[in-house]
Amino acid sequence: GGFNSSNTTHLQEIAIERQLPSYHIDSVNRIISADEIEHKPLHQEVEVARNWLPSGSIVVGVTSGASTPDRVVEDVINKIFELKITAVAV
């Protein structure tokens, strides 16, 4: 969801409270590669994280604020699948 979304920010707070890695993105275009993601850490400016997508089997939770279109969530999920499939094929 948008970086100004209080709903999405609260979802990130929940992940942090549970000590889960979280990456607040506002578009699938923020996912640069399996190694790099441009995201907004809680109460900070946008930055690029490296080594964000672990190799091997993983469990990923994708959440969004109420105003985030389902298509945006779907695009993010599909991008993660594409990156994982490409990593396995290489």
PDB file of N, CA and C in Angstrom:
ATOM      1  N   GLY A   1       0.818  -1.191   0.000  1.00  0.00           N
ATOM      2  CA  GLY A   1       0.000   0.000   0.000  1.00  0.00           C
ATOM      3  C   GLY A   1       0.854   1.244   0.000  1.00  0.00           C
ATOM      4  N   GLY A   2       0.209   2.369  -0.145  1.00  0.00           N
ATOM      5  CA  GLY A   2       0.912   3.641  -0.187  1.00  0.00           C
ATOM      6  C   GLY A   2       1.713   3.911   1.077  1.00  0.00           C
ATOM      7  N   PHE A   3       2.771   4.667   0.918  1.00  0.00           N
ATOM      8  CA  PHE A   3       3.640   4.959   2.053  1.00  0.00           C
ATOM      9  C   PHE A   3       2.963   5.861   3.084  1.00  0.00           C
ATOM     10  N   ASN A   4       1.895   6.544   2.709  1.00  0.00           N
ATOM     11  CA  ASN A   4       1.160   7.390   3.650  1.00  0.00           C
ATOM     12  C   ASN A   4      -0.037   6.675   4.260  1.00  0.00           C
ATOM     13  N   SER A   5      -0.206   5.407   3.977  1.00  0.00           N
ATOM     14  CA  SER A   5      -1.349   4.635   4.469  1.00  0.00           C
ATOM     15  C   SER A   5      -1.133   4.213   5.918  1.00  0.00           C
ATOM     16  N   SER A   6      -2.008   4.672   6.795  1.00  0.00           N
ATOM     17  CA  SER A   6      -1.884   4.274   8.205  1.00  0.00           C
ATOM     18  C   SER A   6      -2.200   2.793   8.375  1.00  0.00           C
ATOM     19  N   ASN A   7      -3.115   2.255   7.562  1.00  0.00           N
ATOM     20  CA  ASN A   7      -3.428   0.821   7.639  1.00  0.00           C
ATOM     21  C   ASN A   7      -2.205  -0.026   7.295  1.00  0.00           C
ATOM     22  N   THR A   8      -1.547   0.312   6.203  1.00  0.00           N
ATOM     23  CA  THR A   8      -0.385  -0.459   5.778  1.00  0.00           C
ATOM     24  C   THR A   8       0.765  -0.303   6.769  1.00  0.00           C
ATOM     25  N   THR A   9       0.933   0.897   7.292  1.00  0.00           N
ATOM     26  CA  THR A   9       1.974   1.119   8.303  1.00  0.00           C
ATOM     27  C   THR A   9       1.711   0.271   9.540  1.00  0.00           C
ATOM     28  N   HIS A  10       0.450   0.184   9.945  1.00  0.00           N
ATOM     29  CA  HIS A  10       0.114  -0.637  11.113  1.00  0.00           C
ATOM     30  C   HIS A  10       0.401  -2.119  10.842  1.00  0.00           C
ATOM     31  N   LEU A  11       0.149  -2.584   9.635  1.00  0.00           N
ATOM     32  CA  LEU A  11       0.468  -3.973   9.289  1.00  0.00           C
ATOM     33  C   LEU A  11       1.969  -4.221   9.414  1.00  0.00           C
ATOM     34  N   GLN A  12       2.761  -3.247   9.015  1.00  0.00           N
ATOM     35  CA  GLN A  12       4.214  -3.382   9.154  1.00  0.00           C
ATOM     36  C   GLN A  12       4.614  -3.404  10.630  1.00  0.00           C
ATOM     37  N   GLU A  13       3.969  -2.591  11.442  1.00  0.00           N
ATOM     38  CA  GLU A  13       4.245  -2.591  12.885  1.00  0.00           C
ATOM     39  C   GLU A  13       3.979  -3.968  13.493  1.00  0.00           C
ATOM     40  N   ILE A  14       2.905  -4.609  13.066  1.00  0.00           N
ATOM     41  CA  ILE A  14       2.564  -5.949  13.570  1.00  0.00           C
ATOM     42  C   ILE A  14       3.667  -6.942  13.213  1.00  0.00           C
ATOM     43  N   ALA A  15       4.144  -6.894  11.977  1.00  0.00           N
ATOM     44  CA  ALA A  15       5.228  -7.802  11.564  1.00  0.00           C
ATOM     45  C   ALA A  15       6.477  -7.564  12.404  1.00  0.00           C
ATOM     46  N   ILE A  16       6.806  -6.319  12.634  1.00  0.00           N
ATOM     47  CA  ILE A  16       7.997  -5.990  13.428  1.00  0.00           C
ATOM     48  C   ILE A  16       7.838  -6.488  14.861  1.00  0.00           C
ATOM     49  N   GLU A  17       6.649  -6.296  15.445  1.00  0.00           N
ATOM     50  CA  GLU A  17       6.393  -6.780  16.806  1.00  0.00           C
ATOM     51  C   GLU A  17       6.614  -8.285  16.915  1.00  0.00           C
ATOM     52  N   ARG A  18       6.333  -8.995  15.840  1.00  0.00           N
ATOM     53  CA  ARG A  18       6.480 -10.455  15.825  1.00  0.00           C
ATOM     54  C   ARG A  18       7.851 -10.891  15.304  1.00  0.00           C
ATOM     55  N   GLN A  19       8.733  -9.914  15.128  1.00  0.00           N
ATOM     56  CA  GLN A  19      10.105 -10.142  14.667  1.00  0.00           C
ATOM     57  C   GLN A  19      10.152 -10.857  13.316  1.00  0.00           C
ATOM     58  N   LEU A  20       9.247 -10.454  12.432  1.00  0.00           N
ATOM     59  CA  LEU A  20       9.205 -10.988  11.074  1.00  0.00           C
ATOM     60  C   LEU A  20       9.801  -9.957  10.123  1.00  0.00           C
ATOM     61  N   PRO A  21      10.614 -10.389   9.175  1.00  0.00           N
ATOM     62  CA  PRO A  21      11.110  -9.437   8.179  1.00  0.00           C
ATOM     63  C   PRO A  21       9.924  -8.832   7.432  1.00  0.00           C
ATOM     64  N   SER A  22       9.956  -7.539   7.189  1.00  0.00           N
ATOM     65  CA  SER A  22       8.862  -6.901   6.448  1.00  0.00           C
ATOM     66  C   SER A  22       9.428  -5.848   5.509  1.00  0.00           C
ATOM     67  N   TYR A  23       8.768  -5.701   4.373  1.00  0.00           N
ATOM     68  CA  TYR A  23       9.197  -4.757   3.350  1.00  0.00           C
ATOM     69  C   TYR A  23       7.966  -4.020   2.854  1.00  0.00           C
ATOM     70  N   HIS A  24       7.829  -2.750   3.219  1.00  0.00           N
ATOM     71  CA  HIS A  24       6.688  -1.934   2.805  1.00  0.00           C
ATOM     72  C   HIS A  24       6.991  -1.370   1.422  1.00  0.00           C
ATOM     73  N   ILE A  25       6.250  -1.857   0.430  1.00  0.00           N
ATOM     74  CA  ILE A  25       6.401  -1.364  -0.936  1.00  0.00           C
ATOM     75  C   ILE A  25       5.058  -0.818  -1.400  1.00  0.00           C
ATOM     76  N   ASP A  26       5.095   0.098  -2.341  1.00  0.00           N
ATOM     77  CA  ASP A  26       3.865   0.686  -2.857  1.00  0.00           C
ATOM     78  C   ASP A  26       3.582   0.265  -4.297  1.00  0.00           C
ATOM     79  N   SER A  27       4.419  -0.607  -4.827  1.00  0.00           N
ATOM     80  CA  SER A  27       4.264  -1.045  -6.214  1.00  0.00           C
ATOM     81  C   SER A  27       5.146  -2.266  -6.455  1.00  0.00           C
ATOM     82  N   VAL A  28       4.721  -3.118  -7.359  1.00  0.00           N
ATOM     83  CA  VAL A  28       5.540  -4.273  -7.727  1.00  0.00           C
ATOM     84  C   VAL A  28       6.882  -3.821  -8.298  1.00  0.00           C
ATOM     85  N   ASN A  29       6.924  -2.622  -8.850  1.00  0.00           N
ATOM     86  CA  ASN A  29       8.165  -2.103  -9.430  1.00  0.00           C
ATOM     87  C   ASN A  29       9.256  -1.879  -8.394  1.00  0.00           C
ATOM     88  N   ARG A  30       8.906  -1.899  -7.118  1.00  0.00           N
ATOM     89  CA  ARG A  30       9.906  -1.761  -6.048  1.00  0.00           C
ATOM     90  C   ARG A  30      10.720  -3.048  -5.879  1.00  0.00           C
ATOM     91  N   ILE A  31      10.207  -4.153  -6.405  1.00  0.00           N
ATOM     92  CA  ILE A  31      10.940  -5.418  -6.340  1.00  0.00           C
ATOM     93  C   ILE A  31      11.905  -5.429  -7.523  1.00  0.00           C
ATOM     94  N   ILE A  32      13.149  -5.144  -7.243  1.00  0.00           N
ATOM     95  CA  ILE A  32      14.154  -4.988  -8.295  1.00  0.00           C
ATOM     96  C   ILE A  32      14.636  -6.351  -8.785  1.00  0.00           C
ATOM     97  N   SER A  33      14.923  -7.232  -7.853  1.00  0.00           N
ATOM     98  CA  SER A  33      15.418  -8.571  -8.178  1.00  0.00           C
ATOM     99  C   SER A  33      15.272  -9.445  -6.940  1.00  0.00           C
ATOM    100  N   ALA A  34      15.694 -10.698  -7.046  1.00  0.00           N
ATOM    101  CA  ALA A  34      15.668 -11.581  -5.875  1.00  0.00           C
ATOM    102  C   ALA A  34      16.668 -11.110  -4.826  1.00  0.00           C
ATOM    103  N   ASP A  35      17.594 -10.273  -5.230  1.00  0.00           N
ATOM    104  CA  ASP A  35      18.600  -9.760  -4.295  1.00  0.00           C
ATOM    105  C   ASP A  35      18.267  -8.370  -3.760  1.00  0.00           C
ATOM    106  N   GLU A  36      17.507  -7.569  -4.517  1.00  0.00           N
ATOM    107  CA  GLU A  36      17.260  -6.182  -4.121  1.00  0.00           C
ATOM    108  C   GLU A  36      15.780  -5.830  -4.135  1.00  0.00           C
ATOM    109  N   ILE A  37      15.366  -5.110  -3.095  1.00  0.00           N
ATOM    110  CA  ILE A  37      14.010  -4.584  -3.021  1.00  0.00           C
ATOM    111  C   ILE A  37      14.083  -3.162  -2.476  1.00  0.00           C
ATOM    112  N   GLU A  38      13.378  -2.266  -3.130  1.00  0.00           N
ATOM    113  CA  GLU A  38      13.296  -0.885  -2.663  1.00  0.00           C
ATOM    114  C   GLU A  38      12.066  -0.800  -1.767  1.00  0.00           C
ATOM    115  N   HIS A  39      12.252  -0.410  -0.520  1.00  0.00           N
ATOM    116  CA  HIS A  39      11.136  -0.415   0.434  1.00  0.00           C
ATOM    117  C   HIS A  39      11.296   0.719   1.430  1.00  0.00           C
ATOM    118  N   LYS A  40      10.256   0.917   2.245  1.00  0.00           N
ATOM    119  CA  LYS A  40      10.272   1.976   3.250  1.00  0.00           C
ATOM    120  C   LYS A  40      10.217   1.352   4.631  1.00  0.00           C
ATOM    121  N   PRO A  41      11.354   1.303   5.327  1.00  0.00           N
ATOM    122  CA  PRO A  41      11.333   0.826   6.706  1.00  0.00           C
ATOM    123  C   PRO A  41      10.457   1.754   7.561  1.00  0.00           C
ATOM    124  N   LEU A  42       9.927   1.229   8.629  1.00  0.00           N
ATOM    125  CA  LEU A  42       9.037   1.982   9.507  1.00  0.00           C
ATOM    126  C   LEU A  42       9.703   3.280   9.971  1.00  0.00           C
ATOM    127  N   HIS A  43       9.020   4.404   9.735  1.00  0.00           N
ATOM    128  CA  HIS A  43       9.460   5.738  10.169  1.00  0.00           C
ATOM    129  C   HIS A  43      10.808   6.147   9.581  1.00  0.00           C
ATOM    130  N   GLN A  44      11.129   5.637   8.388  1.00  0.00           N
ATOM    131  CA  GLN A  44      12.378   5.987   7.718  1.00  0.00           C
ATOM    132  C   GLN A  44      12.091   6.311   6.259  1.00  0.00           C
ATOM    133  N   GLU A  45      13.123   6.720   5.558  1.00  0.00           N
ATOM    134  CA  GLU A  45      13.009   7.000   4.130  1.00  0.00           C
ATOM    135  C   GLU A  45      13.152   5.703   3.333  1.00  0.00           C
ATOM    136  N   VAL A  46      12.750   5.758   2.069  1.00  0.00           N
ATOM    137  CA  VAL A  46      12.865   4.600   1.179  1.00  0.00           C
ATOM    138  C   VAL A  46      14.340   4.236   1.028  1.00  0.00           C
ATOM    139  N   GLU A  47      14.619   2.932   1.052  1.00  0.00           N
ATOM    140  CA  GLU A  47      15.988   2.438   0.887  1.00  0.00           C
ATOM    141  C   GLU A  47      15.960   1.122   0.121  1.00  0.00           C
ATOM    142  N   VAL A  48      17.126   0.685  -0.311  1.00  0.00           N
ATOM    143  CA  VAL A  48      17.251  -0.602  -0.997  1.00  0.00           C
ATOM    144  C   VAL A  48      17.813  -1.617  -0.010  1.00  0.00           C
ATOM    145  N   ALA A  49      17.096  -2.722   0.148  1.00  0.00           N
ATOM    146  CA  ALA A  49      17.573  -3.832   0.983  1.00  0.00           C
ATOM    147  C   ALA A  49      18.151  -4.895   0.060  1.00  0.00           C
ATOM    148  N   ARG A  50      19.215  -5.510   0.501  1.00  0.00           N
ATOM    149  CA  ARG A  50      19.850  -6.576  -0.272  1.00  0.00           C
ATOM    150  C   ARG A  50      19.653  -7.908   0.451  1.00  0.00           C
ATOM    151  N   ASN A  51      19.708  -8.984  -0.315  1.00  0.00           N
ATOM    152  CA  ASN A  51      19.518 -10.334   0.241  1.00  0.00           C
ATOM    153  C   ASN A  51      18.179 -10.470   0.958  1.00  0.00           C
ATOM    154  N   TRP A  52      17.143  -9.884   0.395  1.00  0.00           N
ATOM    155  CA  TRP A  52      15.832  -9.868   1.047  1.00  0.00           C
ATOM    156  C   TRP A  52      15.048 -11.160   0.835  1.00  0.00           C
ATOM    157  N   LEU A  53      15.298 -11.849  -0.264  1.00  0.00           N
ATOM    158  CA  LEU A  53      14.526 -13.049  -0.596  1.00  0.00           C
ATOM    159  C   LEU A  53      15.416 -14.272  -0.408  1.00  0.00           C
ATOM    160  N   PRO A  54      15.215 -15.017   0.676  1.00  0.00           N
ATOM    161  CA  PRO A  54      16.088 -16.159   0.962  1.00  0.00           C
ATOM    162  C   PRO A  54      15.972 -17.251  -0.098  1.00  0.00           C
ATOM    163  N   SER A  55      17.037 -18.008  -0.260  1.00  0.00           N
ATOM    164  CA  SER A  55      16.987 -19.155  -1.164  1.00  0.00           C
ATOM    165  C   SER A  55      16.279 -20.306  -0.461  1.00  0.00           C
ATOM    166  N   GLY A  56      15.929 -21.310  -1.227  1.00  0.00           N
ATOM    167  CA  GLY A  56      15.254 -22.471  -0.654  1.00  0.00           C
ATOM    168  C   GLY A  56      13.777 -22.222  -0.416  1.00  0.00           C
ATOM    169  N   SER A  57      13.170 -23.139   0.304  1.00  0.00           N
ATOM    170  CA  SER A  57      11.739 -23.032   0.613  1.00  0.00           C
ATOM    171  C   SER A  57      11.502 -21.904   1.606  1.00  0.00           C
ATOM    172  N   ILE A  58      10.465 -21.130   1.353  1.00  0.00           N
ATOM    173  CA  ILE A  58      10.130 -20.020   2.241  1.00  0.00           C
ATOM    174  C   ILE A  58       8.619 -19.935   2.426  1.00  0.00           C
ATOM    175  N   VAL A  59       8.223 -19.223   3.444  1.00  0.00           N
ATOM    176  CA  VAL A  59       6.820 -18.873   3.659  1.00  0.00           C
ATOM    177  C   VAL A  59       6.750 -17.354   3.588  1.00  0.00           C
ATOM    178  N   VAL A  60       5.854 -16.847   2.752  1.00  0.00           N
ATOM    179  CA  VAL A  60       5.722 -15.407   2.567  1.00  0.00           C
ATOM    180  C   VAL A  60       4.290 -15.004   2.887  1.00  0.00           C
ATOM    181  N   GLY A  61       4.147 -13.964   3.664  1.00  0.00           N
ATOM    182  CA  GLY A  61       2.836 -13.369   3.913  1.00  0.00           C
ATOM    183  C   GLY A  61       2.774 -12.033   3.208  1.00  0.00           C
ATOM    184  N   VAL A  62       1.728 -11.809   2.449  1.00  0.00           N
ATOM    185  CA  VAL A  62       1.555 -10.536   1.754  1.00  0.00           C
ATOM    186  C   VAL A  62       0.283  -9.897   2.293  1.00  0.00           C
ATOM    187  N   THR A  63       0.404  -8.681   2.802  1.00  0.00           N
ATOM    188  CA  THR A  63      -0.754  -7.958   3.323  1.00  0.00           C
ATOM    189  C   THR A  63      -0.856  -6.623   2.614  1.00  0.00           C
ATOM    190  N   SER A  64      -2.009  -5.992   2.752  1.00  0.00           N
ATOM    191  CA  SER A  64      -2.190  -4.674   2.143  1.00  0.00           C
ATOM    192  C   SER A  64      -3.244  -3.902   2.915  1.00  0.00           C
ATOM    193  N   GLY A  65      -3.172  -2.590   2.792  1.00  0.00           N
ATOM    194  CA  GLY A  65      -4.190  -1.733   3.378  1.00  0.00           C
ATOM    195  C   GLY A  65      -5.498  -1.870   2.617  1.00  0.00           C
ATOM    196  N   ALA A  66      -6.552  -1.359   3.203  1.00  0.00           N
ATOM    197  CA  ALA A  66      -7.898  -1.518   2.640  1.00  0.00           C
ATOM    198  C   ALA A  66      -8.046  -0.921   1.246  1.00  0.00           C
ATOM    199  N   SER A  67      -7.322   0.148   0.954  1.00  0.00           N
ATOM    200  CA  SER A  67      -7.494   0.809  -0.342  1.00  0.00           C
ATOM    201  C   SER A  67      -6.568   0.273  -1.427  1.00  0.00           C
ATOM    202  N   THR A  68      -5.729  -0.687  -1.102  1.00  0.00           N
ATOM    203  CA  THR A  68      -4.826  -1.257  -2.103  1.00  0.00           C
ATOM    204  C   THR A  68      -5.613  -2.183  -3.025  1.00  0.00           C
ATOM    205  N   PRO A  69      -5.591  -1.933  -4.326  1.00  0.00           N
ATOM    206  CA  PRO A  69      -6.321  -2.802  -5.253  1.00  0.00           C
ATOM    207  C   PRO A  69      -5.796  -4.242  -5.211  1.00  0.00           C
ATOM    208  N   ASP A  70      -6.707  -5.199  -5.336  1.00  0.00           N
ATOM    209  CA  ASP A  70      -6.324  -6.614  -5.336  1.00  0.00           C
ATOM    210  C   ASP A  70      -5.282  -6.904  -6.410  1.00  0.00           C
ATOM    211  N   ARG A  71      -5.365  -6.220  -7.522  1.00  0.00           N
ATOM    212  CA  ARG A  71      -4.435  -6.446  -8.634  1.00  0.00           C
ATOM    213  C   ARG A  71      -2.991  -6.143  -8.211  1.00  0.00           C
ATOM    214  N   VAL A  72      -2.797  -5.135  -7.384  1.00  0.00           N
ATOM    215  CA  VAL A  72      -1.451  -4.789  -6.910  1.00  0.00           C
ATOM    216  C   VAL A  72      -0.892  -5.935  -6.068  1.00  0.00           C
ATOM    217  N   VAL A  73      -1.719  -6.471  -5.187  1.00  0.00           N
ATOM    218  CA  VAL A  73      -1.302  -7.601  -4.348  1.00  0.00           C
ATOM    219  C   VAL A  73      -0.982  -8.809  -5.227  1.00  0.00           C
ATOM    220  N   GLU A  74      -1.832  -9.065  -6.198  1.00  0.00           N
ATOM    221  CA  GLU A  74      -1.620 -10.186  -7.121  1.00  0.00           C
ATOM    222  C   GLU A  74      -0.307 -10.029  -7.890  1.00  0.00           C
ATOM    223  N   ASP A  75      -0.024  -8.818  -8.350  1.00  0.00           N
ATOM    224  CA  ASP A  75       1.226  -8.564  -9.081  1.00  0.00           C
ATOM    225  C   ASP A  75       2.447  -8.848  -8.212  1.00  0.00           C
ATOM    226  N   VAL A  76       2.386  -8.456  -6.941  1.00  0.00           N
ATOM    227  CA  VAL A  76       3.501  -8.689  -6.020  1.00  0.00           C
ATOM    228  C   VAL A  76       3.703 -10.184  -5.799  1.00  0.00           C
ATOM    229  N   ILE A  77       2.620 -10.902  -5.568  1.00  0.00           N
ATOM    230  CA  ILE A  77       2.713 -12.356  -5.362  1.00  0.00           C
ATOM    231  C   ILE A  77       3.301 -13.028  -6.598  1.00  0.00           C
ATOM    232  N   ASN A  78       2.814 -12.654  -7.771  1.00  0.00           N
ATOM    233  CA  ASN A  78       3.327 -13.243  -9.010  1.00  0.00           C
ATOM    234  C   ASN A  78       4.811 -12.940  -9.208  1.00  0.00           C
ATOM    235  N   LYS A  79       5.236 -11.738  -8.867  1.00  0.00           N
ATOM    236  CA  LYS A  79       6.652 -11.366  -9.007  1.00  0.00           C
ATOM    237  C   LYS A  79       7.524 -12.222  -8.093  1.00  0.00           C
ATOM    238  N   ILE A  80       7.080 -12.447  -6.862  1.00  0.00           N
ATOM    239  CA  ILE A  80       7.849 -13.288  -5.940  1.00  0.00           C
ATOM    240  C   ILE A  80       7.942 -14.712  -6.481  1.00  0.00           C
ATOM    241  N   PHE A  81       6.826 -15.243  -6.992  1.00  0.00           N
ATOM    242  CA  PHE A  81       6.858 -16.579  -7.604  1.00  0.00           C
ATOM    243  C   PHE A  81       7.849 -16.622  -8.764  1.00  0.00           C
ATOM    244  N   GLU A  82       7.815 -15.616  -9.631  1.00  0.00           N
ATOM    245  CA  GLU A  82       8.735 -15.567 -10.773  1.00  0.00           C
ATOM    246  C   GLU A  82      10.188 -15.580 -10.315  1.00  0.00           C
ATOM    247  N   LEU A  83      10.499 -14.791  -9.302  1.00  0.00           N
ATOM    248  CA  LEU A  83      11.874 -14.727  -8.804  1.00  0.00           C
ATOM    249  C   LEU A  83      12.317 -16.055  -8.210  1.00  0.00           C
ATOM    250  N   LYS A  84      11.436 -16.712  -7.475  1.00  0.00           N
ATOM    251  CA  LYS A  84      11.786 -17.997  -6.870  1.00  0.00           C
ATOM    252  C   LYS A  84      11.956 -19.074  -7.944  1.00  0.00           C
ATOM    253  N   ILE A  85      11.095 -19.086  -8.939  1.00  0.00           N
ATOM    254  CA  ILE A  85      11.189 -20.076 -10.020  1.00  0.00           C
ATOM    255  C   ILE A  85      12.479 -19.863 -10.806  1.00  0.00           C
ATOM    256  N   THR A  86      12.817 -18.614 -11.095  1.00  0.00           N
ATOM    257  CA  THR A  86      14.051 -18.297 -11.815  1.00  0.00           C
ATOM    258  C   THR A  86      15.265 -18.737 -11.014  1.00  0.00           C
ATOM    259  N   ALA A  87      15.245 -18.524  -9.710  1.00  0.00           N
ATOM    260  CA  ALA A  87      16.372 -18.911  -8.854  1.00  0.00           C
ATOM    261  C   ALA A  87      16.572 -20.422  -8.855  1.00  0.00           C
ATOM    262  N   VAL A  88      15.484 -21.179  -8.880  1.00  0.00           N
ATOM    263  CA  VAL A  88      15.568 -22.643  -8.894  1.00  0.00           C
ATOM    264  C   VAL A  88      16.104 -23.126 -10.236  1.00  0.00           C
ATOM    265  N   ALA A  89      15.708 -22.456 -11.321  1.00  0.00           N
ATOM    266  CA  ALA A  89      16.119 -22.865 -12.665  1.00  0.00           C
ATOM    267  C   ALA A  89      17.593 -22.573 -12.936  1.00  0.00           C
ATOM    268  N   VAL A  90      18.159 -21.633 -12.219  1.00  0.00           N
ATOM    269  CA  VAL A  90      19.551 -21.230 -12.475  1.00  0.00           C
ATOM    270  C   VAL A  90      20.532 -22.145 -11.826  1.00  0.00           C
TER     271      VAL A  90
END
